[in-house]
Amino acid sequence: MNNSGEMSRMTNNKSKALKLSRLTKLTAALTISAGAALAAAPASAAEHVVQMLNMGGEGPMVFEPAYLKVDVGDTVVFQPTQRGGHNSQSAYVPDGAATWVSPPDSEYKVEMTVEGVYVYVCQPHLVMGMSGVIQVGNATNLDAATAAAEQAAGSFAMNKDRLSKALAQVQ
C-alpha cells in the first residue's frame, strides 16, 4: 500500500512538472512573440506645426517654417497663428498622394502618407509668394516638384524666390 501511494505521488509530481514545463514554454513563446511584434511596430508618428503668418522672419505673408522634412505617416498641422484669411492648399504632391485645401483661418491637419516632395501655397496670398515645401522621406520626385514650384512662382508678384529657397533645403 505504501508503494502505491508513493507511486501515485510520483505520478502526480511528474504530471505537475510536465504542466509547469508546458506553461513555461508557452509563456516564453508568448514573450518572444510580443517582443517581435513590438520590434516590428512602426515608431509613433510625429506631429509638425507650420504657422500661417501675416509677418514672419522672411517678411510678409509666410509659412514658418517654409521647408519641413518629415517621415511617412507624420502629420503636418497648419495653424493660422495670425489670422488674415490664410489657407493651405497643395500645389503639387507626389503620385498617389492626396491633395488638400484648407478653409481660411482654420487649423488643418494633413497626414503625409506618400514619400516625396510636396509644394503648397496660401491661395488668397499666392500673389505675395506665400508658399512652402514639405519633404516626406526621400525626395523621390524632386525634378517634378521643382518644375511645379517654378510654375507656381510664376503667379507671385513678390517674394519670387521663396519656393526656390525652400527647395534648396531638400536633401
Protein backbone atom coordinates (compact mmCIF):
# COMPACT_ATOMS: atom_id res chain seq x y z
CA MET A 1 0.00 0.00 0.00
CA ASN A 2 2.84 2.29 0.83
CA ASN A 3 4.32 1.58 -2.59
CA SER A 4 1.14 2.51 -4.45
CA GLY A 5 0.78 5.80 -2.51
CA GLU A 6 4.38 6.64 -3.35
CA MET A 7 3.76 5.73 -6.99
CA SER A 8 0.69 7.97 -7.06
CA ARG A 9 2.67 10.90 -5.57
CA MET A 10 5.45 10.40 -8.15
CA THR A 11 2.92 10.30 -11.00
CA ASN A 12 1.27 13.49 -9.68
CA ASN A 13 4.66 15.18 -9.37
CA LYS A 14 5.59 14.18 -12.93
CA SER A 15 2.23 15.45 -14.17
CA LYS A 16 2.71 18.77 -12.35
CA ALA A 17 6.26 19.06 -13.68
CA LEU A 18 5.04 18.40 -17.23
CA LYS A 19 2.27 21.01 -16.91
CA LEU A 20 4.75 23.51 -15.48
CA SER A 21 7.17 22.80 -18.32
CA ARG A 22 4.42 23.36 -20.91
CA LEU A 23 3.34 26.57 -19.17
CA THR A 24 6.94 27.82 -19.08
CA LYS A 25 7.37 27.09 -22.80
CA LEU A 26 4.06 28.80 -23.63
CA THR A 27 4.99 31.86 -21.56
CA ALA A 28 8.39 32.04 -23.28
CA ALA A 29 6.78 31.74 -26.72
CA LEU A 30 4.26 34.49 -25.93
CA THR A 31 7.02 36.75 -24.59
CA ILE A 32 9.10 36.25 -27.74
CA SER A 33 6.06 36.87 -29.97
CA ALA A 34 5.16 40.06 -28.10
CA GLY A 35 8.75 41.30 -28.32
CA ALA A 36 8.87 40.61 -32.06
CA ALA A 37 5.57 42.42 -32.57
CA LEU A 38 6.84 45.46 -30.68
CA ALA A 39 10.11 45.46 -32.64
CA ALA A 40 8.20 45.32 -35.94
CA ALA A 41 5.74 48.05 -34.97
CA PRO A 42 6.47 51.44 -36.57
CA ALA A 43 7.54 54.30 -34.34
CA SER A 44 4.83 56.70 -33.33
CA ALA A 45 4.03 59.24 -35.98
CA ALA A 46 5.06 62.79 -35.15
CA GLU A 47 3.08 66.00 -35.50
CA HIS A 48 4.78 69.06 -37.03
CA VAL A 49 3.39 72.60 -36.90
CA VAL A 50 3.57 75.11 -39.74
CA GLN A 51 2.41 78.58 -38.78
CA MET A 52 0.49 80.78 -41.21
CA LEU A 53 1.68 84.33 -40.55
CA ASN A 54 0.95 87.86 -41.77
CA MET A 55 4.56 88.77 -40.87
CA GLY A 56 7.41 86.41 -40.13
CA GLY A 57 11.17 86.09 -40.31
CA GLU A 58 11.09 86.08 -44.11
CA GLY A 59 8.75 89.07 -44.42
CA PRO A 60 5.03 89.40 -45.05
CA MET A 61 2.63 86.51 -45.72
CA VAL A 62 4.71 83.46 -44.85
CA PHE A 63 4.52 79.89 -43.71
CA GLU A 64 7.01 79.16 -40.95
CA PRO A 65 8.89 77.02 -41.41
CA ALA A 66 8.83 77.33 -45.20
CA TYR A 67 10.65 74.00 -45.50
CA LEU A 68 9.88 70.96 -43.40
CA LYS A 69 11.26 67.42 -43.53
CA VAL A 70 9.04 64.70 -42.03
CA ASP A 71 8.66 60.93 -42.09
CA VAL A 72 5.96 58.96 -43.89
CA GLY A 73 2.99 58.75 -41.53
CA ASP A 74 3.71 62.05 -39.79
CA THR A 75 1.09 64.79 -39.65
CA VAL A 76 1.61 68.43 -40.60
CA VAL A 77 -0.61 70.87 -38.76
CA PHE A 78 -1.20 74.23 -40.45
CA GLN A 79 -2.00 76.78 -37.77
CA PRO A 80 -3.44 80.23 -38.52
CA THR A 81 -1.23 81.87 -35.88
CA GLN A 82 -2.03 85.32 -37.27
CA ARG A 83 -5.45 85.47 -38.87
CA GLY A 84 -5.58 87.07 -42.28
CA GLY A 85 -7.66 84.80 -44.46
CA HIS A 86 -4.80 82.27 -44.77
CA ASN A 87 -5.28 78.76 -46.03
CA SER A 88 -3.07 75.87 -47.03
CA GLN A 89 -3.52 74.27 -50.41
CA SER A 90 -1.42 71.68 -52.16
CA ALA A 91 0.07 72.96 -55.40
CA TYR A 92 1.95 69.73 -56.15
CA VAL A 93 2.00 66.31 -54.47
CA PRO A 94 3.79 63.05 -55.35
CA ASP A 95 1.91 60.45 -57.38
CA GLY A 96 -0.60 58.65 -55.19
CA ALA A 97 -0.73 61.34 -52.50
CA ALA A 98 -3.95 63.14 -51.59
CA THR A 99 -4.30 66.84 -52.38
CA TRP A 100 -5.75 69.25 -49.82
CA VAL A 101 -7.41 72.64 -49.50
CA SER A 102 -7.98 74.03 -46.01
CA PRO A 103 -10.68 76.52 -45.09
CA PRO A 104 -9.47 80.08 -44.36
CA ASP A 105 -8.11 80.83 -40.88
CA SER A 106 -8.67 77.27 -39.63
CA GLU A 107 -6.24 74.77 -38.20
CA TYR A 108 -5.82 71.98 -40.72
CA LYS A 109 -4.03 68.63 -40.43
CA VAL A 110 -2.51 66.71 -43.31
CA GLU A 111 -1.21 63.17 -42.84
CA MET A 112 1.80 62.57 -45.04
CA THR A 113 1.33 59.06 -46.42
CA VAL A 114 3.41 59.11 -49.60
CA GLU A 115 7.15 59.71 -49.83
CA GLY A 116 8.36 62.66 -51.90
CA VAL A 117 8.34 66.44 -52.15
CA TYR A 118 5.13 68.45 -51.69
CA VAL A 119 4.63 72.11 -52.68
CA TYR A 120 1.85 74.12 -51.06
CA VAL A 121 0.55 77.68 -51.14
CA CYS A 122 -1.87 80.05 -49.45
CA GLN A 123 -4.31 80.67 -52.29
CA PRO A 124 -5.53 84.10 -51.04
CA HIS A 125 -1.89 85.29 -50.76
CA LEU A 126 -0.40 83.46 -53.73
CA VAL A 127 0.49 86.72 -55.45
CA MET A 128 2.61 87.60 -52.38
CA GLY A 129 4.54 84.34 -52.64
CA MET A 130 3.07 82.67 -49.55
CA SER A 131 4.28 79.13 -50.16
CA GLY A 132 6.24 76.24 -48.71
CA VAL A 133 7.76 72.81 -49.24
CA ILE A 134 7.42 69.57 -47.30
CA GLN A 135 9.83 66.70 -47.87
CA VAL A 136 8.44 63.34 -46.79
CA GLY A 137 11.20 60.76 -46.50
CA ASN A 138 13.35 60.70 -49.64
CA ALA A 139 12.98 63.32 -52.36
CA THR A 140 11.95 60.78 -54.98
CA ASN A 141 10.22 63.38 -57.18
CA LEU A 142 12.44 66.45 -56.78
CA ASP A 143 12.61 67.28 -60.50
CA ALA A 144 8.83 67.24 -60.92
CA ALA A 145 8.34 69.21 -57.67
CA THR A 146 10.87 71.81 -58.83
CA ALA A 147 9.05 72.21 -62.16
CA ALA A 148 5.73 72.60 -60.33
CA ALA A 149 7.27 75.15 -57.95
CA GLU A 150 8.60 77.19 -60.87
CA GLN A 151 5.12 77.20 -62.39
CA ALA A 152 3.55 78.29 -59.08
CA ALA A 153 6.18 81.01 -58.60
CA GLY A 154 5.11 82.43 -61.98
CA SER A 155 1.98 83.66 -60.14
CA PHE A 156 3.99 85.53 -57.50
CA ALA A 157 4.23 89.33 -57.79
CA MET A 158 6.68 89.44 -54.88
CA ASN A 159 8.92 87.03 -52.97
CA LYS A 160 9.51 85.10 -56.18
CA ASP A 161 12.44 83.20 -54.65
CA ARG A 162 10.59 81.71 -51.65
CA LEU A 163 9.93 78.34 -53.23
CA SER A 164 13.43 78.05 -54.71
CA LYS A 165 14.91 78.81 -51.25
CA ALA A 166 12.71 76.15 -49.66
CA LEU A 167 13.53 73.61 -52.40
CA ALA A 168 17.25 74.29 -51.95
CA GLN A 169 16.93 72.69 -48.49
CA VAL A 170 15.63 69.38 -49.86
CA GLN A 171 18.18 66.62 -49.26
